[in-house]
Amino acid sequence: MDISLKGKTAVICGSSQGIGLATAKELAVNGANCVLMARNTEALKAAAGQLAVTRDQHHQWVAADFADTHSVEEAIKKIVEKHRVEILINNTGGPKAGPILDASTDAFEQAFRQHLINNQILARTVIPGMKDAVYGRIINIISTSVKTPLANLGVSNTIRLAVAAWAKTLANEIGQFNITVNNILPGLTQTQRLDELVKHTADAVKKEQASIESQLKESVPMKRFGIPEEIANVIAFLASPAASYVNGTNIAVDGGRTPAL
């Protein structure tokens, strides 16, 4: 099975920490030249220094604020001026937790821009190069809320599903060019995002964070949280030539927690 990414360039969004950084590390191990994108320049520098170079790769980073679509557009244009991008990993932090009725319309608009509009900007910019290469992989890191809405995540549930519909539509349109579009749906994974959700839940119900963590682990058939590397392994497969006929699908990596088929 060919999972080598040697000679291919991957842009990984939100890659200064968590699942994004774990993904960049795994793609680099498999030979990709990685371009990291996130807001914090110091964190990006540190992250780029952690990537493998055993296959003569050249890794870079470009700062972009995903709360500002113009910033993202300028960053990706700079990248494609110098590199043909064959792999795009769309990944950004989720919206603030809370009931849907407590959310302002501004919260929905901001989340829509941060997730769907940025994805559209990034995809439109890199797809011409993917067509030239006759090879492309667009992988969106979303959420299991695509399959079933999650409690206390009103804005996130709404926007994540919109991104999934966008991705399926795009997959239908560009599959003919050997470009695949797939979504990864992480479950409860040990990241800063999970820490924030646990704290928010604990504060809301006035319980200890350890108690909330225990309850969440019990909700997973495997009785534990995932780790970012476990998500990254599946992403690396989807980015590789081995996944050439996997297109337009949602893949949950959640230890079996999602009740839907």
C-alpha atoms as a PDB file:
ATOM      1  CA  MET A   1       0.000   0.000   0.000  1.00  0.00           C
ATOM      2  CA  ASP A   2       1.465   3.313  -1.117  1.00  0.00           C
ATOM      3  CA  ILE A   3       1.194   5.973   1.577  1.00  0.00           C
ATOM      4  CA  SER A   4       4.301   7.905   0.565  1.00  0.00           C
ATOM      5  CA  LEU A   5       3.805  11.650   0.233  1.00  0.00           C
ATOM      6  CA  LYS A   6       7.329  12.388  -0.964  1.00  0.00           C
ATOM      7  CA  GLY A   7       7.426  15.343  -3.329  1.00  0.00           C
ATOM      8  CA  LYS A   8       3.969  16.562  -2.376  1.00  0.00           C
ATOM      9  CA  THR A   9       3.239  19.843  -0.595  1.00  0.00           C
ATOM     10  CA  ALA A  10       0.648  19.972   2.172  1.00  0.00           C
ATOM     11  CA  VAL A  11      -0.917  23.070   3.712  1.00  0.00           C
ATOM     12  CA  ILE A  12      -2.102  22.328   7.230  1.00  0.00           C
ATOM     13  CA  CYS A  13      -4.339  24.908   8.887  1.00  0.00           C
ATOM     14  CA  GLY A  14      -4.463  25.342  12.637  1.00  0.00           C
ATOM     15  CA  SER A  15      -1.187  23.460  12.857  1.00  0.00           C
ATOM     16  CA  SER A  16       0.581  25.108  15.788  1.00  0.00           C
ATOM     17  CA  GLN A  17      -0.981  22.674  18.269  1.00  0.00           C
ATOM     18  CA  GLY A  18      -3.399  19.794  18.783  1.00  0.00           C
ATOM     19  CA  ILE A  19      -4.745  17.772  15.874  1.00  0.00           C
ATOM     20  CA  GLY A  20      -3.305  20.186  13.308  1.00  0.00           C
ATOM     21  CA  LEU A  21       0.234  19.820  14.621  1.00  0.00           C
ATOM     22  CA  ALA A  22      -0.100  16.045  14.978  1.00  0.00           C
ATOM     23  CA  THR A  23      -1.279  15.925  11.356  1.00  0.00           C
ATOM     24  CA  ALA A  24       1.666  17.975  10.133  1.00  0.00           C
ATOM     25  CA  LYS A  25       4.063  15.659  11.967  1.00  0.00           C
ATOM     26  CA  GLU A  26       2.493  12.554  10.417  1.00  0.00           C
ATOM     27  CA  LEU A  27       2.450  13.995   6.906  1.00  0.00           C
ATOM     28  CA  ALA A  28       6.102  14.969   7.305  1.00  0.00           C
ATOM     29  CA  VAL A  29       7.034  11.461   8.468  1.00  0.00           C
ATOM     30  CA  ASN A  30       5.472  10.188   5.239  1.00  0.00           C
ATOM     31  CA  GLY A  31       7.539  12.574   3.133  1.00  0.00           C
ATOM     32  CA  ALA A  32       5.378  15.659   2.556  1.00  0.00           C
ATOM     33  CA  ASN A  33       6.698  19.185   2.438  1.00  0.00           C
ATOM     34  CA  CYS A  34       4.537  20.929   5.033  1.00  0.00           C
ATOM     35  CA  VAL A  35       3.392  24.533   5.141  1.00  0.00           C
ATOM     36  CA  LEU A  36       1.913  25.354   8.529  1.00  0.00           C
ATOM     37  CA  MET A  37      -0.775  28.007   8.946  1.00  0.00           C
ATOM     38  CA  ALA A  38      -1.998  29.483  12.220  1.00  0.00           C
ATOM     39  CA  ARG A  39      -2.150  32.809  14.031  1.00  0.00           C
ATOM     40  CA  ASN A  40       0.678  32.590  16.573  1.00  0.00           C
ATOM     41  CA  THR A  41       4.043  33.114  14.869  1.00  0.00           C
ATOM     42  CA  GLU A  42       6.149  31.882  17.783  1.00  0.00           C
ATOM     43  CA  ALA A  43       4.089  28.714  18.084  1.00  0.00           C
ATOM     44  CA  LEU A  44       4.368  28.168  14.324  1.00  0.00           C
ATOM     45  CA  LYS A  45       8.156  28.475  14.435  1.00  0.00           C
ATOM     46  CA  ALA A  46       8.327  25.955  17.248  1.00  0.00           C
ATOM     47  CA  ALA A  47       5.949  23.583  15.464  1.00  0.00           C
ATOM     48  CA  ALA A  48       7.880  23.706  12.180  1.00  0.00           C
ATOM     49  CA  GLY A  49      11.024  22.760  14.067  1.00  0.00           C
ATOM     50  CA  GLN A  50       9.365  19.533  15.234  1.00  0.00           C
ATOM     51  CA  LEU A  51       8.686  18.161  11.750  1.00  0.00           C
ATOM     52  CA  ALA A  52      10.690  15.296  10.275  1.00  0.00           C
ATOM     53  CA  VAL A  53      13.077  16.052   7.414  1.00  0.00           C
ATOM     54  CA  THR A  54      14.296  12.509   6.825  1.00  0.00           C
ATOM     55  CA  ARG A  55      13.140  12.588   3.184  1.00  0.00           C
ATOM     56  CA  ASP A  56      14.832  15.866   2.260  1.00  0.00           C
ATOM     57  CA  GLN A  57      11.718  17.955   2.863  1.00  0.00           C
ATOM     58  CA  HIS A  58      11.522  21.691   3.281  1.00  0.00           C
ATOM     59  CA  HIS A  59       8.947  22.858   5.799  1.00  0.00           C
ATOM     60  CA  GLN A  60       7.624  26.400   6.142  1.00  0.00           C
ATOM     61  CA  TRP A  61       5.024  28.383   8.026  1.00  0.00           C
ATOM     62  CA  VAL A  62       2.790  31.323   7.183  1.00  0.00           C
ATOM     63  CA  ALA A  63       0.881  33.300   9.817  1.00  0.00           C
ATOM     64  CA  ALA A  64      -2.843  33.828   9.243  1.00  0.00           C
ATOM     65  CA  ASP A  65      -5.684  34.836  11.526  1.00  0.00           C
ATOM     66  CA  PHE A  66      -8.668  32.618  10.734  1.00  0.00           C
ATOM     67  CA  ALA A  67     -10.997  35.173  12.282  1.00  0.00           C
ATOM     68  CA  ASP A  68     -10.040  37.405   9.325  1.00  0.00           C
ATOM     69  CA  THR A  69     -10.837  35.935   5.895  1.00  0.00           C
ATOM     70  CA  HIS A  70      -8.643  38.545   4.187  1.00  0.00           C
ATOM     71  CA  SER A  71      -5.659  37.355   6.241  1.00  0.00           C
ATOM     72  CA  VAL A  72      -6.284  33.765   5.178  1.00  0.00           C
ATOM     73  CA  GLU A  73      -6.648  34.735   1.517  1.00  0.00           C
ATOM     74  CA  GLU A  74      -3.399  36.688   1.512  1.00  0.00           C
ATOM     75  CA  ALA A  75      -1.554  33.813   3.214  1.00  0.00           C
ATOM     76  CA  ILE A  76      -2.681  31.103   0.795  1.00  0.00           C
ATOM     77  CA  LYS A  77      -1.936  33.317  -2.218  1.00  0.00           C
ATOM     78  CA  LYS A  78       1.637  33.730  -1.001  1.00  0.00           C
ATOM     79  CA  ILE A  79       1.963  29.974  -0.688  1.00  0.00           C
ATOM     80  CA  VAL A  80       0.679  29.084  -4.162  1.00  0.00           C
ATOM     81  CA  GLU A  81       2.908  31.697  -5.753  1.00  0.00           C
ATOM     82  CA  LYS A  82       5.862  29.508  -4.757  1.00  0.00           C
ATOM     83  CA  HIS A  83       4.434  26.016  -4.392  1.00  0.00           C
ATOM     84  CA  ARG A  84       1.904  23.723  -6.006  1.00  0.00           C
ATOM     85  CA  VAL A  85      -0.256  22.407  -3.187  1.00  0.00           C
ATOM     86  CA  GLU A  86      -1.475  18.829  -3.523  1.00  0.00           C
ATOM     87  CA  ILE A  87      -2.854  18.412   0.008  1.00  0.00           C
ATOM     88  CA  LEU A  88      -5.039  20.851   1.954  1.00  0.00           C
ATOM     89  CA  ILE A  89      -6.015  20.209   5.568  1.00  0.00           C
ATOM     90  CA  ASN A  90      -8.810  22.563   6.625  1.00  0.00           C
ATOM     91  CA  ASN A  91      -8.795  22.923  10.397  1.00  0.00           C
ATOM     92  CA  THR A  92      -9.680  25.743  12.779  1.00  0.00           C
ATOM     93  CA  GLY A  93     -10.919  26.096  16.333  1.00  0.00           C
ATOM     94  CA  GLY A  94     -14.573  25.520  17.058  1.00  0.00           C
ATOM     95  CA  PRO A  95     -17.119  28.172  18.045  1.00  0.00           C
ATOM     96  CA  LYS A  96     -17.811  28.984  21.683  1.00  0.00           C
ATOM     97  CA  ALA A  97     -19.921  26.423  23.519  1.00  0.00           C
ATOM     98  CA  GLY A  98     -23.427  27.190  24.721  1.00  0.00           C
ATOM     99  CA  PRO A  99     -27.146  26.657  23.989  1.00  0.00           C
ATOM    100  CA  ILE A 100     -28.278  27.713  20.542  1.00  0.00           C
ATOM    101  CA  LEU A 101     -30.812  30.221  21.906  1.00  0.00           C
ATOM    102  CA  ASP A 102     -28.065  32.023  23.806  1.00  0.00           C
ATOM    103  CA  ALA A 103     -26.061  32.594  20.616  1.00  0.00           C
ATOM    104  CA  SER A 104     -26.170  35.941  18.848  1.00  0.00           C
ATOM    105  CA  THR A 105     -26.571  36.202  15.100  1.00  0.00           C
ATOM    106  CA  ASP A 106     -23.043  37.621  15.030  1.00  0.00           C
ATOM    107  CA  ALA A 107     -21.764  34.353  16.502  1.00  0.00           C
ATOM    108  CA  PHE A 108     -23.267  32.391  13.616  1.00  0.00           C
ATOM    109  CA  GLU A 109     -21.914  34.812  11.020  1.00  0.00           C
ATOM    110  CA  GLN A 110     -18.421  34.780  12.503  1.00  0.00           C
ATOM    111  CA  ALA A 111     -18.346  30.976  12.692  1.00  0.00           C
ATOM    112  CA  PHE A 112     -19.613  30.733   9.099  1.00  0.00           C
ATOM    113  CA  ARG A 113     -16.779  32.962   7.891  1.00  0.00           C
ATOM    114  CA  GLN A 114     -14.158  31.261  10.035  1.00  0.00           C
ATOM    115  CA  HIS A 115     -15.052  27.788   8.867  1.00  0.00           C
ATOM    116  CA  LEU A 116     -16.948  27.639   5.590  1.00  0.00           C
ATOM    117  CA  ILE A 117     -15.828  30.862   3.905  1.00  0.00           C
ATOM    118  CA  ASN A 118     -12.168  30.253   4.754  1.00  0.00           C
ATOM    119  CA  ASN A 119     -12.463  26.709   3.407  1.00  0.00           C
ATOM    120  CA  GLN A 120     -13.901  28.076   0.172  1.00  0.00           C
ATOM    121  CA  ILE A 121     -11.091  30.619  -0.165  1.00  0.00           C
ATOM    122  CA  LEU A 122      -8.409  28.014   0.475  1.00  0.00           C
ATOM    123  CA  ALA A 123      -9.913  25.407  -1.827  1.00  0.00           C
ATOM    124  CA  ARG A 124     -10.457  27.795  -4.748  1.00  0.00           C
ATOM    125  CA  THR A 125      -6.851  28.918  -4.498  1.00  0.00           C
ATOM    126  CA  VAL A 126      -5.199  25.483  -4.406  1.00  0.00           C
ATOM    127  CA  ILE A 127      -7.468  23.481  -6.729  1.00  0.00           C
ATOM    128  CA  PRO A 128      -5.960  24.797 -10.010  1.00  0.00           C
ATOM    129  CA  GLY A 129      -2.578  23.391  -8.939  1.00  0.00           C
ATOM    130  CA  MET A 130      -4.195  20.096  -7.945  1.00  0.00           C
ATOM    131  CA  LYS A 131      -5.758  19.870 -11.399  1.00  0.00           C
ATOM    132  CA  ASP A 132      -2.343  20.424 -12.985  1.00  0.00           C
ATOM    133  CA  ALA A 133      -0.864  17.714 -10.770  1.00  0.00           C
ATOM    134  CA  VAL A 134      -3.794  15.352 -11.476  1.00  0.00           C
ATOM    135  CA  TYR A 135      -3.689  14.749  -7.732  1.00  0.00           C
ATOM    136  CA  GLY A 136      -5.422  16.481  -4.885  1.00  0.00           C
ATOM    137  CA  ARG A 137      -6.567  15.765  -1.365  1.00  0.00           C
ATOM    138  CA  ILE A 138      -8.789  18.166   0.574  1.00  0.00           C
ATOM    139  CA  ILE A 139      -9.453  16.971   4.106  1.00  0.00           C
ATOM    140  CA  ASN A 140     -11.673  18.885   6.481  1.00  0.00           C
ATOM    141  CA  ILE A 141     -11.387  18.325  10.215  1.00  0.00           C
ATOM    142  CA  ILE A 142     -14.924  18.864  11.455  1.00  0.00           C
ATOM    143  CA  SER A 143     -16.814  17.115  14.286  1.00  0.00           C
ATOM    144  CA  THR A 144     -19.032  14.116  15.009  1.00  0.00           C
ATOM    145  CA  SER A 145     -21.856  16.660  15.308  1.00  0.00           C
ATOM    146  CA  VAL A 146     -22.150  16.185  11.537  1.00  0.00           C
ATOM    147  CA  LYS A 147     -23.809  12.845  12.347  1.00  0.00           C
ATOM    148  CA  THR A 148     -25.652  13.819  15.515  1.00  0.00           C
ATOM    149  CA  PRO A 149     -25.897  17.246  17.184  1.00  0.00           C
ATOM    150  CA  LEU A 150     -23.946  17.553  20.421  1.00  0.00           C
ATOM    151  CA  ALA A 151     -25.423  19.088  23.560  1.00  0.00           C
ATOM    152  CA  ASN A 152     -24.465  22.666  24.390  1.00  0.00           C
ATOM    153  CA  LEU A 153     -22.778  23.284  21.032  1.00  0.00           C
ATOM    154  CA  GLY A 154     -25.524  25.141  19.183  1.00  0.00           C
ATOM    155  CA  VAL A 155     -23.425  27.272  16.847  1.00  0.00           C
ATOM    156  CA  SER A 156     -20.879  24.544  16.221  1.00  0.00           C
ATOM    157  CA  ASN A 157     -23.538  21.950  15.340  1.00  0.00           C
ATOM    158  CA  THR A 158     -25.044  24.333  12.787  1.00  0.00           C
ATOM    159  CA  ILE A 159     -21.844  25.430  11.088  1.00  0.00           C
ATOM    160  CA  ARG A 160     -20.131  22.027  11.052  1.00  0.00           C
ATOM    161  CA  LEU A 161     -23.037  20.534   9.120  1.00  0.00           C
ATOM    162  CA  ALA A 162     -22.850  23.366   6.611  1.00  0.00           C
ATOM    163  CA  VAL A 163     -19.169  22.584   6.070  1.00  0.00           C
ATOM    164  CA  ALA A 164     -19.994  18.904   5.513  1.00  0.00           C
ATOM    165  CA  ALA A 165     -22.588  19.814   2.875  1.00  0.00           C
ATOM    166  CA  TRP A 166     -20.079  22.156   1.204  1.00  0.00           C
ATOM    167  CA  ALA A 167     -17.477  19.378   1.153  1.00  0.00           C
ATOM    168  CA  LYS A 168     -19.848  16.811  -0.367  1.00  0.00           C
ATOM    169  CA  THR A 169     -20.871  19.258  -3.081  1.00  0.00           C
ATOM    170  CA  LEU A 170     -17.232  20.032  -3.861  1.00  0.00           C
ATOM    171  CA  ALA A 171     -16.334  16.327  -3.926  1.00  0.00           C
ATOM    172  CA  ASN A 172     -19.025  15.719  -6.525  1.00  0.00           C
ATOM    173  CA  GLU A 173     -17.692  18.516  -8.723  1.00  0.00           C
ATOM    174  CA  ILE A 174     -13.940  17.849  -8.677  1.00  0.00           C
ATOM    175  CA  GLY A 175     -13.647  14.094  -8.263  1.00  0.00           C
ATOM    176  CA  GLN A 176     -13.228  13.807 -12.042  1.00  0.00           C
ATOM    177  CA  PHE A 177      -9.831  15.522 -11.703  1.00  0.00           C
ATOM    178  CA  ASN A 178      -8.504  12.919  -9.244  1.00  0.00           C
ATOM    179  CA  ILE A 179      -9.077  15.352  -6.384  1.00  0.00           C
ATOM    180  CA  THR A 180     -10.856  13.904  -3.368  1.00  0.00           C
ATOM    181  CA  VAL A 181     -12.657  15.771  -0.596  1.00  0.00           C
ATOM    182  CA  ASN A 182     -13.308  14.041   2.697  1.00  0.00           C
ATOM    183  CA  ASN A 183     -14.207  14.964   6.261  1.00  0.00           C
ATOM    184  CA  ILE A 184     -12.660  13.675   9.457  1.00  0.00           C
ATOM    185  CA  LEU A 185     -14.975  13.762  12.461  1.00  0.00           C
ATOM    186  CA  PRO A 186     -12.904  13.639  15.654  1.00  0.00           C
ATOM    187  CA  GLY A 187     -14.582  12.519  18.832  1.00  0.00           C
ATOM    188  CA  LEU A 188     -13.439  13.402  22.346  1.00  0.00           C
ATOM    189  CA  THR A 189      -9.751  14.051  21.756  1.00  0.00           C
ATOM    190  CA  GLN A 190      -7.184  15.323  24.240  1.00  0.00           C
ATOM    191  CA  THR A 191      -6.737  18.870  22.980  1.00  0.00           C
ATOM    192  CA  GLN A 192      -7.038  22.406  24.299  1.00  0.00           C
ATOM    193  CA  ARG A 193     -10.538  22.514  22.777  1.00  0.00           C
ATOM    194  CA  LEU A 194     -11.637  19.538  24.905  1.00  0.00           C
ATOM    195  CA  ASP A 195     -10.142  21.123  28.021  1.00  0.00           C
ATOM    196  CA  GLU A 196     -12.188  24.265  27.354  1.00  0.00           C
ATOM    197  CA  LEU A 197     -15.406  22.290  26.825  1.00  0.00           C
ATOM    198  CA  VAL A 198     -14.857  20.289  30.012  1.00  0.00           C
ATOM    199  CA  LYS A 199     -14.273  23.475  31.989  1.00  0.00           C
ATOM    200  CA  HIS A 200     -17.341  25.150  30.471  1.00  0.00           C
ATOM    201  CA  THR A 201     -19.520  22.136  31.300  1.00  0.00           C
ATOM    202  CA  ALA A 202     -18.149  21.838  34.824  1.00  0.00           C
ATOM    203  CA  ASP A 203     -18.824  25.506  35.499  1.00  0.00           C
ATOM    204  CA  ALA A 204     -22.332  25.272  34.064  1.00  0.00           C
ATOM    205  CA  VAL A 205     -23.388  22.291  36.205  1.00  0.00           C
ATOM    206  CA  LYS A 206     -21.205  23.220  39.187  1.00  0.00           C
ATOM    207  CA  LYS A 207     -19.207  20.005  39.256  1.00  0.00           C
ATOM    208  CA  GLU A 208     -15.507  19.198  39.396  1.00  0.00           C
ATOM    209  CA  GLN A 209     -13.747  18.951  36.034  1.00  0.00           C
ATOM    210  CA  ALA A 210     -12.476  15.473  36.949  1.00  0.00           C
ATOM    211  CA  SER A 211     -16.060  14.324  37.380  1.00  0.00           C
ATOM    212  CA  ILE A 212     -17.042  15.670  33.959  1.00  0.00           C
ATOM    213  CA  GLU A 213     -14.017  14.010  32.341  1.00  0.00           C
ATOM    214  CA  SER A 214     -14.957  10.690  33.922  1.00  0.00           C
ATOM    215  CA  GLN A 215     -18.527  10.957  32.647  1.00  0.00           C
ATOM    216  CA  LEU A 216     -17.317  11.766  29.146  1.00  0.00           C
ATOM    217  CA  LYS A 217     -14.928   8.814  29.093  1.00  0.00           C
ATOM    218  CA  GLU A 218     -17.763   6.535  30.151  1.00  0.00           C
ATOM    219  CA  SER A 219     -19.728   7.709  27.115  1.00  0.00           C
ATOM    220  CA  VAL A 220     -17.045   6.276  24.819  1.00  0.00           C
ATOM    221  CA  PRO A 221     -17.143   2.489  24.193  1.00  0.00           C
ATOM    222  CA  MET A 222     -13.337   2.421  24.492  1.00  0.00           C
ATOM    223  CA  LYS A 223     -13.585   4.257  27.863  1.00  0.00           C
ATOM    224  CA  ARG A 224     -10.908   6.816  27.069  1.00  0.00           C
ATOM    225  CA  PHE A 225     -10.264   9.987  25.145  1.00  0.00           C
ATOM    226  CA  GLY A 226      -8.491   9.841  21.815  1.00  0.00           C
ATOM    227  CA  ILE A 227      -5.142  11.460  21.221  1.00  0.00           C
ATOM    228  CA  PRO A 228      -4.324  13.792  18.296  1.00  0.00           C
ATOM    229  CA  GLU A 229      -1.975  11.242  16.734  1.00  0.00           C
ATOM    230  CA  GLU A 230      -4.849   8.801  16.275  1.00  0.00           C
ATOM    231  CA  ILE A 231      -6.724  11.385  14.226  1.00  0.00           C
ATOM    232  CA  ALA A 232      -3.575  12.264  12.278  1.00  0.00           C
ATOM    233  CA  ASN A 233      -3.018   8.645  11.241  1.00  0.00           C
ATOM    234  CA  VAL A 234      -6.364   8.522   9.437  1.00  0.00           C
ATOM    235  CA  ILE A 235      -5.747  11.902   7.814  1.00  0.00           C
ATOM    236  CA  ALA A 236      -2.376  10.717   6.511  1.00  0.00           C
ATOM    237  CA  PHE A 237      -4.050   7.717   4.880  1.00  0.00           C
ATOM    238  CA  LEU A 238      -6.667   9.933   3.212  1.00  0.00           C
ATOM    239  CA  ALA A 239      -3.914  12.231   1.948  1.00  0.00           C
ATOM    240  CA  SER A 240      -2.033   9.347   0.362  1.00  0.00           C
ATOM    241  CA  PRO A 241      -2.309   7.583  -3.008  1.00  0.00           C
ATOM    242  CA  ALA A 242      -3.723   4.559  -1.143  1.00  0.00           C
ATOM    243  CA  ALA A 243      -6.999   6.441  -0.542  1.00  0.00           C
ATOM    244  CA  SER A 244      -7.524   7.176  -4.239  1.00  0.00           C
ATOM    245  CA  TYR A 245     -11.167   5.997  -4.300  1.00  0.00           C
ATOM    246  CA  VAL A 246     -12.325   7.435  -0.983  1.00  0.00           C
ATOM    247  CA  ASN A 247     -14.272  10.573  -1.800  1.00  0.00           C
ATOM    248  CA  GLY A 248     -17.095  12.664  -0.379  1.00  0.00           C
ATOM    249  CA  THR A 249     -17.401  10.841   2.900  1.00  0.00           C
ATOM    250  CA  ASN A 250     -17.461  11.556   6.643  1.00  0.00           C
ATOM    251  CA  ILE A 251     -15.183   9.387   8.755  1.00  0.00           C
ATOM    252  CA  ALA A 252     -15.714   9.404  12.513  1.00  0.00           C
ATOM    253  CA  VAL A 253     -12.585   8.808  14.601  1.00  0.00           C
ATOM    254  CA  ASP A 254     -14.258   8.743  17.982  1.00  0.00           C
ATOM    255  CA  GLY A 255     -13.733   5.387  19.678  1.00  0.00           C
ATOM    256  CA  GLY A 256     -17.274   4.387  18.698  1.00  0.00           C
ATOM    257  CA  ARG A 257     -19.038   7.144  20.658  1.00  0.00           C
ATOM    258  CA  THR A 258     -21.283   8.421  17.862  1.00  0.00           C
ATOM    259  CA  PRO A 259     -24.634   6.573  18.070  1.00  0.00           C
ATOM    260  CA  ALA A 260     -25.465   7.022  14.376  1.00  0.00           C
ATOM    261  CA  LEU A 261     -24.312   4.533  11.738  1.00  0.00           C
END
